[in-house]
Amino acid sequence: MSLTADPPACTVPAAGGASTHKLVNAGAEKMIFKIKSSNNNEYRITPVFGFVDPSGSKDITITRTAGAPKEDKLVVHFAAAPADATDAQAAFAAITPAGTITIPMSATA
């Protein structure tokens, strides 16, 4: 079981901008995820929690506000979703992540 990110890295202007990525689930199990950022001051991630259906994908949007150019990263923690889960944030609190994806983020001048 695993998720992949497409594209696997994010480059946005330091002046601000947005990038859309897909979390892709190639497996047969529904997956649950939580996204953490190394920079919550300049980046907003939508959604932070969610599900990805088997053989499906979920769009995430990375939005950056203006700030000094620097390197940051997102870490996507994921696991098989509990069968009865409907609220990703509540369900994620009760599970142990099975793996992570790191998405490097670069803000360019």
PDB file of N, CA and C in Angstrom:
ATOM      1  N   MET A   1       0.847  -1.177   0.000  1.00  0.00           N
ATOM      2  CA  MET A   1       0.000   0.000   0.000  1.00  0.00           C
ATOM      3  C   MET A   1       0.883   1.229   0.000  1.00  0.00           C
ATOM      4  N   SER A   2       0.549   2.155  -0.871  1.00  0.00           N
ATOM      5  CA  SER A   2       1.304   3.392  -0.881  1.00  0.00           C
ATOM      6  C   SER A   2       0.556   4.449  -1.666  1.00  0.00           C
ATOM      7  N   LEU A   3       0.928   5.678  -1.404  1.00  0.00           N
ATOM      8  CA  LEU A   3       0.453   6.813  -2.182  1.00  0.00           C
ATOM      9  C   LEU A   3       1.661   7.400  -2.890  1.00  0.00           C
ATOM     10  N   THR A   4       1.421   8.041  -4.022  1.00  0.00           N
ATOM     11  CA  THR A   4       2.469   8.791  -4.697  1.00  0.00           C
ATOM     12  C   THR A   4       1.934  10.184  -4.980  1.00  0.00           C
ATOM     13  N   ALA A   5       2.856  11.136  -5.132  1.00  0.00           N
ATOM     14  CA  ALA A   5       2.480  12.510  -5.430  1.00  0.00           C
ATOM     15  C   ALA A   5       2.867  12.828  -6.866  1.00  0.00           C
ATOM     16  N   ASP A   6       1.966  13.494  -7.584  1.00  0.00           N
ATOM     17  CA  ASP A   6       2.226  13.869  -8.967  1.00  0.00           C
ATOM     18  C   ASP A   6       1.780  15.308  -9.178  1.00  0.00           C
ATOM     19  N   PRO A   7       2.678  16.239  -9.489  1.00  0.00           N
ATOM     20  CA  PRO A   7       4.133  16.044  -9.585  1.00  0.00           C
ATOM     21  C   PRO A   7       4.759  15.855  -8.198  1.00  0.00           C
ATOM     22  N   PRO A   8       5.977  15.277  -8.140  1.00  0.00           N
ATOM     23  CA  PRO A   8       6.590  14.928  -6.859  1.00  0.00           C
ATOM     24  C   PRO A   8       7.259  16.091  -6.136  1.00  0.00           C
ATOM     25  N   ALA A   9       7.306  17.281  -6.761  1.00  0.00           N
ATOM     26  CA  ALA A   9       7.910  18.449  -6.116  1.00  0.00           C
ATOM     27  C   ALA A   9       7.068  19.674  -6.452  1.00  0.00           C
ATOM     28  N   CYS A  10       7.207  20.713  -5.650  1.00  0.00           N
ATOM     29  CA  CYS A  10       6.410  21.931  -5.815  1.00  0.00           C
ATOM     30  C   CYS A  10       7.341  23.127  -5.945  1.00  0.00           C
ATOM     31  N   THR A  11       7.159  23.902  -7.007  1.00  0.00           N
ATOM     32  CA  THR A  11       7.897  25.154  -7.165  1.00  0.00           C
ATOM     33  C   THR A  11       6.880  26.266  -7.371  1.00  0.00           C
ATOM     34  N   VAL A  12       6.937  27.272  -6.519  1.00  0.00           N
ATOM     35  CA  VAL A  12       6.023  28.408  -6.618  1.00  0.00           C
ATOM     36  C   VAL A  12       6.828  29.700  -6.516  1.00  0.00           C
ATOM     37  N   PRO A  13       6.296  30.809  -7.050  1.00  0.00           N
ATOM     38  CA  PRO A  13       7.000  32.093  -6.919  1.00  0.00           C
ATOM     39  C   PRO A  13       7.039  32.541  -5.454  1.00  0.00           C
ATOM     40  N   ALA A  14       8.149  33.127  -5.030  1.00  0.00           N
ATOM     41  CA  ALA A  14       8.259  33.637  -3.666  1.00  0.00           C
ATOM     42  C   ALA A  14       7.253  34.759  -3.421  1.00  0.00           C
ATOM     43  N   ALA A  15       6.815  35.420  -4.488  1.00  0.00           N
ATOM     44  CA  ALA A  15       5.828  36.485  -4.374  1.00  0.00           C
ATOM     45  C   ALA A  15       4.431  35.937  -4.079  1.00  0.00           C
ATOM     46  N   GLY A  16       4.289  34.621  -4.167  1.00  0.00           N
ATOM     47  CA  GLY A  16       3.001  33.988  -3.887  1.00  0.00           C
ATOM     48  C   GLY A  16       2.478  33.262  -5.109  1.00  0.00           C
ATOM     49  N   GLY A  17       1.725  32.222  -4.878  1.00  0.00           N
ATOM     50  CA  GLY A  17       1.154  31.452  -5.977  1.00  0.00           C
ATOM     51  C   GLY A  17       0.606  30.143  -5.467  1.00  0.00           C
ATOM     52  N   ALA A  18       0.103  29.342  -6.389  1.00  0.00           N
ATOM     53  CA  ALA A  18      -0.495  28.060  -6.012  1.00  0.00           C
ATOM     54  C   ALA A  18      -0.026  26.972  -6.956  1.00  0.00           C
ATOM     55  N   SER A  19      -0.018  25.747  -6.455  1.00  0.00           N
ATOM     56  CA  SER A  19       0.361  24.581  -7.231  1.00  0.00           C
ATOM     57  C   SER A  19      -0.602  23.457  -6.863  1.00  0.00           C
ATOM     58  N   THR A  20      -1.083  22.726  -7.864  1.00  0.00           N
ATOM     59  CA  THR A  20      -1.990  21.607  -7.609  1.00  0.00           C
ATOM     60  C   THR A  20      -1.246  20.302  -7.851  1.00  0.00           C
ATOM     61  N   HIS A  21      -1.433  19.370  -6.940  1.00  0.00           N
ATOM     62  CA  HIS A  21      -0.792  18.057  -7.015  1.00  0.00           C
ATOM     63  C   HIS A  21      -1.850  16.991  -6.815  1.00  0.00           C
ATOM     64  N   LYS A  22      -1.574  15.793  -7.312  1.00  0.00           N
ATOM     65  CA  LYS A  22      -2.467  14.665  -7.103  1.00  0.00           C
ATOM     66  C   LYS A  22      -1.797  13.672  -6.167  1.00  0.00           C
ATOM     67  N   LEU A  23      -2.560  13.195  -5.188  1.00  0.00           N
ATOM     68  CA  LEU A  23      -2.136  12.037  -4.412  1.00  0.00           C
ATOM     69  C   LEU A  23      -2.781  10.841  -5.097  1.00  0.00           C
ATOM     70  N   VAL A  24      -1.948   9.919  -5.575  1.00  0.00           N
ATOM     71  CA  VAL A  24      -2.430   8.801  -6.375  1.00  0.00           C
ATOM     72  C   VAL A  24      -2.326   7.503  -5.576  1.00  0.00           C
ATOM     73  N   ASN A  25      -3.431   6.779  -5.528  1.00  0.00           N
ATOM     74  CA  ASN A  25      -3.497   5.498  -4.840  1.00  0.00           C
ATOM     75  C   ASN A  25      -3.622   4.395  -5.889  1.00  0.00           C
ATOM     76  N   ALA A  26      -2.539   3.665  -6.111  1.00  0.00           N
ATOM     77  CA  ALA A  26      -2.557   2.602  -7.120  1.00  0.00           C
ATOM     78  C   ALA A  26      -3.019   1.276  -6.530  1.00  0.00           C
ATOM     79  N   GLY A  27      -3.261   1.249  -5.218  1.00  0.00           N
ATOM     80  CA  GLY A  27      -3.600  -0.006  -4.560  1.00  0.00           C
ATOM     81  C   GLY A  27      -5.094  -0.295  -4.539  1.00  0.00           C
ATOM     82  N   ALA A  28      -5.449  -1.377  -3.847  1.00  0.00           N
ATOM     83  CA  ALA A  28      -6.833  -1.840  -3.786  1.00  0.00           C
ATOM     84  C   ALA A  28      -7.534  -1.415  -2.502  1.00  0.00           C
ATOM     85  N   GLU A  29      -6.815  -0.710  -1.612  1.00  0.00           N
ATOM     86  CA  GLU A  29      -7.410  -0.280  -0.344  1.00  0.00           C
ATOM     87  C   GLU A  29      -7.631   1.224  -0.358  1.00  0.00           C
ATOM     88  N   LYS A  30      -8.722   1.665   0.281  1.00  0.00           N
ATOM     89  CA  LYS A  30      -8.947   3.096   0.475  1.00  0.00           C
ATOM     90  C   LYS A  30      -7.886   3.604   1.449  1.00  0.00           C
ATOM     91  N   MET A  31      -7.302   4.755   1.148  1.00  0.00           N
ATOM     92  CA  MET A  31      -6.239   5.308   1.980  1.00  0.00           C
ATOM     93  C   MET A  31      -6.719   6.577   2.673  1.00  0.00           C
ATOM     94  N   ILE A  32      -6.124   6.856   3.830  1.00  0.00           N
ATOM     95  CA  ILE A  32      -6.388   8.080   4.570  1.00  0.00           C
ATOM     96  C   ILE A  32      -5.067   8.830   4.681  1.00  0.00           C
ATOM     97  N   PHE A  33      -5.116  10.172   4.638  1.00  0.00           N
ATOM     98  CA  PHE A  33      -3.868  10.930   4.718  1.00  0.00           C
ATOM     99  C   PHE A  33      -4.006  12.171   5.581  1.00  0.00           C
ATOM    100  N   LYS A  34      -2.840  12.635   6.040  1.00  0.00           N
ATOM    101  CA  LYS A  34      -2.701  13.904   6.766  1.00  0.00           C
ATOM    102  C   LYS A  34      -1.439  14.563   6.228  1.00  0.00           C
ATOM    103  N   ILE A  35      -1.506  15.862   5.959  1.00  0.00           N
ATOM    104  CA  ILE A  35      -0.361  16.583   5.398  1.00  0.00           C
ATOM    105  C   ILE A  35       0.194  17.558   6.428  1.00  0.00           C
ATOM    106  N   LYS A  36       1.511  17.495   6.616  1.00  0.00           N
ATOM    107  CA  LYS A  36       2.207  18.437   7.502  1.00  0.00           C
ATOM    108  C   LYS A  36       3.173  19.268   6.668  1.00  0.00           C
ATOM    109  N   SER A  37       3.320  20.537   7.029  1.00  0.00           N
ATOM    110  CA  SER A  37       4.213  21.438   6.314  1.00  0.00           C
ATOM    111  C   SER A  37       5.326  21.910   7.234  1.00  0.00           C
ATOM    112  N   SER A  38       6.529  22.116   6.680  1.00  0.00           N
ATOM    113  CA  SER A  38       7.632  22.661   7.470  1.00  0.00           C
ATOM    114  C   SER A  38       7.499  24.178   7.616  1.00  0.00           C
ATOM    115  N   ASN A  39       6.539  24.785   6.915  1.00  0.00           N
ATOM    116  CA  ASN A  39       6.384  26.236   6.949  1.00  0.00           C
ATOM    117  C   ASN A  39       4.898  26.587   6.908  1.00  0.00           C
ATOM    118  N   ASN A  40       4.284  26.681   8.080  1.00  0.00           N
ATOM    119  CA  ASN A  40       2.858  27.016   8.138  1.00  0.00           C
ATOM    120  C   ASN A  40       2.609  28.519   8.067  1.00  0.00           C
ATOM    121  N   ASN A  41       3.680  29.319   8.081  1.00  0.00           N
ATOM    122  CA  ASN A  41       3.504  30.766   7.987  1.00  0.00           C
ATOM    123  C   ASN A  41       3.212  31.197   6.556  1.00  0.00           C
ATOM    124  N   GLU A  42       3.876  30.571   5.590  1.00  0.00           N
ATOM    125  CA  GLU A  42       3.761  31.012   4.199  1.00  0.00           C
ATOM    126  C   GLU A  42       3.002  30.043   3.302  1.00  0.00           C
ATOM    127  N   TYR A  43       2.731  28.825   3.793  1.00  0.00           N
ATOM    128  CA  TYR A  43       2.023  27.843   2.965  1.00  0.00           C
ATOM    129  C   TYR A  43       0.685  27.459   3.584  1.00  0.00           C
ATOM    130  N   ARG A  44      -0.305  27.294   2.722  1.00  0.00           N
ATOM    131  CA  ARG A  44      -1.613  26.753   3.110  1.00  0.00           C
ATOM    132  C   ARG A  44      -1.873  25.533   2.223  1.00  0.00           C
ATOM    133  N   ILE A  45      -2.306  24.458   2.832  1.00  0.00           N
ATOM    134  CA  ILE A  45      -2.555  23.212   2.112  1.00  0.00           C
ATOM    135  C   ILE A  45      -4.050  22.901   2.195  1.00  0.00           C
ATOM    136  N   THR A  46      -4.644  22.543   1.079  1.00  0.00           N
ATOM    137  CA  THR A  46      -6.057  22.176   1.048  1.00  0.00           C
ATOM    138  C   THR A  46      -6.214  20.882   0.258  1.00  0.00           C
ATOM    139  N   PRO A  47      -6.796  19.846   0.800  1.00  0.00           N
ATOM    140  CA  PRO A  47      -7.160  19.663   2.213  1.00  0.00           C
ATOM    141  C   PRO A  47      -5.960  19.160   3.013  1.00  0.00           C
ATOM    142  N   VAL A  48      -6.027  19.282   4.334  1.00  0.00           N
ATOM    143  CA  VAL A  48      -4.967  18.767   5.207  1.00  0.00           C
ATOM    144  C   VAL A  48      -5.195  17.275   5.478  1.00  0.00           C
ATOM    145  N   PHE A  49      -6.461  16.896   5.637  1.00  0.00           N
ATOM    146  CA  PHE A  49      -6.840  15.496   5.863  1.00  0.00           C
ATOM    147  C   PHE A  49      -7.729  15.043   4.715  1.00  0.00           C
ATOM    148  N   GLY A  50      -7.700  13.745   4.410  1.00  0.00           N
ATOM    149  CA  GLY A  50      -8.615  13.263   3.384  1.00  0.00           C
ATOM    150  C   GLY A  50      -8.466  11.783   3.130  1.00  0.00           C
ATOM    151  N   PHE A  51      -9.273  11.324   2.182  1.00  0.00           N
ATOM    152  CA  PHE A  51      -9.257   9.935   1.747  1.00  0.00           C
ATOM    153  C   PHE A  51      -8.909   9.875   0.270  1.00  0.00           C
ATOM    154  N   VAL A  52      -8.282   8.768  -0.149  1.00  0.00           N
ATOM    155  CA  VAL A  52      -8.051   8.503  -1.572  1.00  0.00           C
ATOM    156  C   VAL A  52      -8.609   7.108  -1.852  1.00  0.00           C
ATOM    157  N   ASP A  53      -9.577   7.043  -2.765  1.00  0.00           N
ATOM    158  CA  ASP A  53     -10.218   5.768  -3.088  1.00  0.00           C
ATOM    159  C   ASP A  53      -9.242   4.818  -3.787  1.00  0.00           C
ATOM    160  N   PRO A  54      -9.514   3.496  -3.722  1.00  0.00           N
ATOM    161  CA  PRO A  54      -8.667   2.533  -4.437  1.00  0.00           C
ATOM    162  C   PRO A  54      -8.588   2.882  -5.918  1.00  0.00           C
ATOM    163  N   SER A  55      -7.397   2.803  -6.479  1.00  0.00           N
ATOM    164  CA  SER A  55      -7.138   3.147  -7.886  1.00  0.00           C
ATOM    165  C   SER A  55      -7.614   4.548  -8.234  1.00  0.00           C
ATOM    166  N   GLY A  56      -7.610   5.440  -7.235  1.00  0.00           N
ATOM    167  CA  GLY A  56      -8.084   6.806  -7.453  1.00  0.00           C
ATOM    168  C   GLY A  56      -7.027   7.831  -7.124  1.00  0.00           C
ATOM    169  N   SER A  57      -7.433   9.086  -7.181  1.00  0.00           N
ATOM    170  CA  SER A  57      -6.515  10.165  -6.835  1.00  0.00           C
ATOM    171  C   SER A  57      -7.292  11.284  -6.159  1.00  0.00           C
ATOM    172  N   LYS A  58      -6.571  12.144  -5.469  1.00  0.00           N
ATOM    173  CA  LYS A  58      -7.164  13.281  -4.766  1.00  0.00           C
ATOM    174  C   LYS A  58      -6.300  14.498  -5.046  1.00  0.00           C
ATOM    175  N   ASP A  59      -6.917  15.587  -5.508  1.00  0.00           N
ATOM    176  CA  ASP A  59      -6.161  16.812  -5.738  1.00  0.00           C
ATOM    177  C   ASP A  59      -5.893  17.519  -4.417  1.00  0.00           C
ATOM    178  N   ILE A  60      -4.662  18.001  -4.266  1.00  0.00           N
ATOM    179  CA  ILE A  60      -4.340  18.888  -3.147  1.00  0.00           C
ATOM    180  C   ILE A  60      -3.799  20.178  -3.740  1.00  0.00           C
ATOM    181  N   THR A  61      -4.095  21.281  -3.082  1.00  0.00           N
ATOM    182  CA  THR A  61      -3.621  22.584  -3.538  1.00  0.00           C
ATOM    183  C   THR A  61      -2.671  23.158  -2.504  1.00  0.00           C
ATOM    184  N   ILE A  62      -1.494  23.562  -2.974  1.00  0.00           N
ATOM    185  CA  ILE A  62      -0.482  24.188  -2.131  1.00  0.00           C
ATOM    186  C   ILE A  62      -0.476  25.666  -2.505  1.00  0.00           C
ATOM    187  N   THR A  63      -0.815  26.520  -1.545  1.00  0.00           N
ATOM    188  CA  THR A  63      -0.862  27.959  -1.801  1.00  0.00           C
ATOM    189  C   THR A  63       0.203  28.639  -0.955  1.00  0.00           C
ATOM    190  N   ARG A  64       0.975  29.521  -1.585  1.00  0.00           N
ATOM    191  CA  ARG A  64       2.042  30.227  -0.869  1.00  0.00           C
ATOM    192  C   ARG A  64       1.758  31.712  -0.855  1.00  0.00           C
ATOM    193  N   THR A  65       1.904  32.319   0.324  1.00  0.00           N
ATOM    194  CA  THR A  65       1.812  33.765   0.427  1.00  0.00           C
ATOM    195  C   THR A  65       3.201  34.343   0.182  1.00  0.00           C
ATOM    196  N   ALA A  66       3.275  35.652  -0.040  1.00  0.00           N
ATOM    197  CA  ALA A  66       4.568  36.290  -0.329  1.00  0.00           C
ATOM    198  C   ALA A  66       5.522  36.147   0.855  1.00  0.00           C
ATOM    199  N   GLY A  67       6.791  35.892   0.540  1.00  0.00           N
ATOM    200  CA  GLY A  67       7.810  35.756   1.578  1.00  0.00           C
ATOM    201  C   GLY A  67       9.163  35.543   0.929  1.00  0.00           C
ATOM    202  N   ALA A  68      10.200  35.500   1.749  1.00  0.00           N
ATOM    203  CA  ALA A  68      11.553  35.322   1.228  1.00  0.00           C
ATOM    204  C   ALA A  68      11.683  33.937   0.585  1.00  0.00           C
ATOM    205  N   PRO A  69      12.432  33.851  -0.545  1.00  0.00           N
ATOM    206  CA  PRO A  69      12.642  32.536  -1.180  1.00  0.00           C
ATOM    207  C   PRO A  69      13.367  31.591  -0.228  1.00  0.00           C
ATOM    208  N   LYS A  70      12.882  30.374  -0.098  1.00  0.00           N
ATOM    209  CA  LYS A  70      13.553  29.368   0.719  1.00  0.00           C
ATOM    210  C   LYS A  70      13.009  27.997   0.386  1.00  0.00           C
ATOM    211  N   GLU A  71      13.684  26.986   0.894  1.00  0.00           N
ATOM    212  CA  GLU A  71      13.287  25.598   0.669  1.00  0.00           C
ATOM    213  C   GLU A  71      12.448  25.129   1.855  1.00  0.00           C
ATOM    214  N   ASP A  72      11.343  24.489   1.556  1.00  0.00           N
ATOM    215  CA  ASP A  72      10.490  23.900   2.583  1.00  0.00           C
ATOM    216  C   ASP A  72      10.069  22.521   2.100  1.00  0.00           C
ATOM    217  N   LYS A  73       9.220  21.853   2.897  1.00  0.00           N
ATOM    218  CA  LYS A  73       8.736  20.548   2.452  1.00  0.00           C
ATOM    219  C   LYS A  73       7.381  20.253   3.062  1.00  0.00           C
ATOM    220  N   LEU A  74       6.654  19.398   2.355  1.00  0.00           N
ATOM    221  CA  LEU A  74       5.429  18.813   2.880  1.00  0.00           C
ATOM    222  C   LEU A  74       5.714  17.354   3.157  1.00  0.00           C
ATOM    223  N   VAL A  75       5.125  16.838   4.227  1.00  0.00           N
ATOM    224  CA  VAL A  75       5.194  15.409   4.483  1.00  0.00           C
ATOM    225  C   VAL A  75       3.765  14.900   4.551  1.00  0.00           C
ATOM    226  N   VAL A  76       3.462  13.938   3.696  1.00  0.00           N
ATOM    227  CA  VAL A  76       2.140  13.324   3.655  1.00  0.00           C
ATOM    228  C   VAL A  76       2.226  11.994   4.404  1.00  0.00           C
ATOM    229  N   HIS A  77       1.513  11.910   5.534  1.00  0.00           N
ATOM    230  CA  HIS A  77       1.448  10.663   6.298  1.00  0.00           C
ATOM    231  C   HIS A  77       0.207   9.919   5.815  1.00  0.00           C
ATOM    232  N   PHE A  78       0.332   8.610   5.592  1.00  0.00           N
ATOM    233  CA  PHE A  78      -0.818   7.867   5.081  1.00  0.00           C
ATOM    234  C   PHE A  78      -0.902   6.468   5.673  1.00  0.00           C
ATOM    235  N   ALA A  79      -2.101   5.887   5.552  1.00  0.00           N
ATOM    236  CA  ALA A  79      -2.361   4.527   6.029  1.00  0.00           C
ATOM    237  C   ALA A  79      -3.625   4.036   5.354  1.00  0.00           C
ATOM    238  N   ALA A  80      -3.892   2.741   5.515  1.00  0.00           N
ATOM    239  CA  ALA A  80      -5.166   2.201   5.047  1.00  0.00           C
ATOM    240  C   ALA A  80      -6.271   2.836   5.888  1.00  0.00           C
ATOM    241  N   ALA A  81      -7.343   3.260   5.235  1.00  0.00           N
ATOM    242  CA  ALA A  81      -8.436   3.914   5.947  1.00  0.00           C
ATOM    243  C   ALA A  81      -9.264   2.884   6.715  1.00  0.00           C
ATOM    244  N   PRO A  82      -9.660   3.219   7.949  1.00  0.00           N
ATOM    245  CA  PRO A  82     -10.589   2.331   8.659  1.00  0.00           C
ATOM    246  C   PRO A  82     -11.878   2.179   7.846  1.00  0.00           C
ATOM    247  N   ALA A  83     -12.450   0.996   7.837  1.00  0.00           N
ATOM    248  CA  ALA A  83     -13.606   0.703   6.980  1.00  0.00           C
ATOM    249  C   ALA A  83     -14.793   1.618   7.241  1.00  0.00           C
ATOM    250  N   ASP A  84     -14.981   2.030   8.493  1.00  0.00           N
ATOM    251  CA  ASP A  84     -16.163   2.821   8.840  1.00  0.00           C
ATOM    252  C   ASP A  84     -15.875   4.320   8.903  1.00  0.00           C
ATOM    253  N   ALA A  85     -14.676   4.734   8.500  1.00  0.00           N
ATOM    254  CA  ALA A  85     -14.288   6.144   8.660  1.00  0.00           C
ATOM    255  C   ALA A  85     -15.020   7.041   7.665  1.00  0.00           C
ATOM    256  N   THR A  86     -15.575   8.138   8.188  1.00  0.00           N
ATOM    257  CA  THR A  86     -16.193   9.148   7.326  1.00  0.00           C
ATOM    258  C   THR A  86     -15.551  10.510   7.540  1.00  0.00           C
ATOM    259  N   ASP A  87     -14.965  10.736   8.719  1.00  0.00           N
ATOM    260  CA  ASP A  87     -14.293  11.991   9.046  1.00  0.00           C
ATOM    261  C   ASP A  87     -12.793  11.710   9.090  1.00  0.00           C
ATOM    262  N   ALA A  88     -12.082  12.193   8.066  1.00  0.00           N
ATOM    263  CA  ALA A  88     -10.660  11.855   7.953  1.00  0.00           C
ATOM    264  C   ALA A  88      -9.848  12.370   9.136  1.00  0.00           C
ATOM    265  N   GLN A  89     -10.134  13.582   9.616  1.00  0.00           N
ATOM    266  CA  GLN A  89      -9.363  14.133  10.730  1.00  0.00           C
ATOM    267  C   GLN A  89      -9.563  13.313  11.999  1.00  0.00           C
ATOM    268  N   ALA A  90     -10.799  12.952  12.301  1.00  0.00           N
ATOM    269  CA  ALA A  90     -11.075  12.158  13.497  1.00  0.00           C
ATOM    270  C   ALA A  90     -10.482  10.753  13.362  1.00  0.00           C
ATOM    271  N   ALA A  91     -10.633  10.138  12.189  1.00  0.00           N
ATOM    272  CA  ALA A  91     -10.134   8.779  11.984  1.00  0.00           C
ATOM    273  C   ALA A  91      -8.617   8.730  12.041  1.00  0.00           C
ATOM    274  N   PHE A  92      -7.947   9.779  11.519  1.00  0.00           N
ATOM    275  CA  PHE A  92      -6.483   9.751  11.485  1.00  0.00           C
ATOM    276  C   PHE A  92      -5.898   9.746  12.892  1.00  0.00           C
ATOM    277  N   ALA A  93      -6.593  10.374  13.828  1.00  0.00           N
ATOM    278  CA  ALA A  93      -6.100  10.440  15.209  1.00  0.00           C
ATOM    279  C   ALA A  93      -5.997   9.057  15.843  1.00  0.00           C
ATOM    280  N   ALA A  94      -6.759   8.090  15.315  1.00  0.00           N
ATOM    281  CA  ALA A  94      -6.821   6.763  15.934  1.00  0.00           C
ATOM    282  C   ALA A  94      -5.945   5.725  15.242  1.00  0.00           C
ATOM    283  N   ILE A  95      -5.205   6.130  14.211  1.00  0.00           N
ATOM    284  CA  ILE A  95      -4.414   5.145  13.470  1.00  0.00           C
ATOM    285  C   ILE A  95      -2.925   5.460  13.557  1.00  0.00           C
ATOM    286  N   THR A  96      -2.122   4.495  13.168  1.00  0.00           N
ATOM    287  CA  THR A  96      -0.678   4.694  13.067  1.00  0.00           C
ATOM    288  C   THR A  96      -0.329   4.784  11.585  1.00  0.00           C
ATOM    289  N   PRO A  97       0.314   5.893  11.165  1.00  0.00           N
ATOM    290  CA  PRO A  97       0.666   6.013   9.742  1.00  0.00           C
ATOM    291  C   PRO A  97       1.532   4.849   9.282  1.00  0.00           C
ATOM    292  N   ALA A  98       1.272   4.378   8.062  1.00  0.00           N
ATOM    293  CA  ALA A  98       2.010   3.247   7.502  1.00  0.00           C
ATOM    294  C   ALA A  98       3.186   3.707   6.650  1.00  0.00           C
ATOM    295  N   GLY A  99       3.158   4.971   6.242  1.00  0.00           N
ATOM    296  CA  GLY A  99       4.229   5.475   5.392  1.00  0.00           C
ATOM    297  C   GLY A  99       4.116   6.977   5.201  1.00  0.00           C
ATOM    298  N   THR A 100       5.113   7.536   4.525  1.00  0.00           N
ATOM    299  CA  THR A 100       5.121   8.977   4.267  1.00  0.00           C
ATOM    300  C   THR A 100       5.612   9.245   2.856  1.00  0.00           C
ATOM    301  N   ILE A 101       5.198  10.395   2.330  1.00  0.00           N
ATOM    302  CA  ILE A 101       5.741  10.934   1.078  1.00  0.00           C
ATOM    303  C   ILE A 101       6.255  12.317   1.442  1.00  0.00           C
ATOM    304  N   THR A 102       7.434  12.665   0.984  1.00  0.00           N
ATOM    305  CA  THR A 102       7.950  14.013   1.171  1.00  0.00           C
ATOM    306  C   THR A 102       7.899  14.750  -0.157  1.00  0.00           C
ATOM    307  N   ILE A 103       7.270  15.919  -0.150  1.00  0.00           N
ATOM    308  CA  ILE A 103       7.189  16.766  -1.337  1.00  0.00           C
ATOM    309  C   ILE A 103       8.043  18.009  -1.082  1.00  0.00           C
ATOM    310  N   PRO A 104       9.213  18.114  -1.747  1.00  0.00           N
ATOM    311  CA  PRO A 104      10.036  19.313  -1.570  1.00  0.00           C
ATOM    312  C   PRO A 104       9.314  20.520  -2.167  1.00  0.00           C
ATOM    313  N   MET A 105       9.386  21.658  -1.456  1.00  0.00           N
ATOM    314  CA  MET A 105       8.766  22.883  -1.952  1.00  0.00           C
ATOM    315  C   MET A 105       9.845  23.960  -2.095  1.00  0.00           C
ATOM    316  N   SER A 106       9.898  24.579  -3.264  1.00  0.00           N
ATOM    317  CA  SER A 106      10.869  25.645  -3.514  1.00  0.00           C
ATOM    318  C   SER A 106      10.134  26.924  -3.862  1.00  0.00           C
ATOM    319  N   ALA A 107      10.508  27.993  -3.205  1.00  0.00           N
ATOM    320  CA  ALA A 107       9.963  29.314  -3.544  1.00  0.00           C
ATOM    321  C   ALA A 107      11.070  30.053  -4.286  1.00  0.00           C
ATOM    322  N   THR A 108      10.789  30.472  -5.511  1.00  0.00           N
ATOM    323  CA  THR A 108      11.802  31.094  -6.345  1.00  0.00           C
ATOM    324  C   THR A 108      11.522  32.571  -6.532  1.00  0.00           C
ATOM    325  N   ALA A 109      12.598  33.334  -6.594  1.00  0.00           N
ATOM    326  CA  ALA A 109      12.452  34.785  -6.749  1.00  0.00           C
ATOM    327  C   ALA A 109      12.055  35.144  -8.173  1.00  0.00           C
TER     328      ALA A 109
END
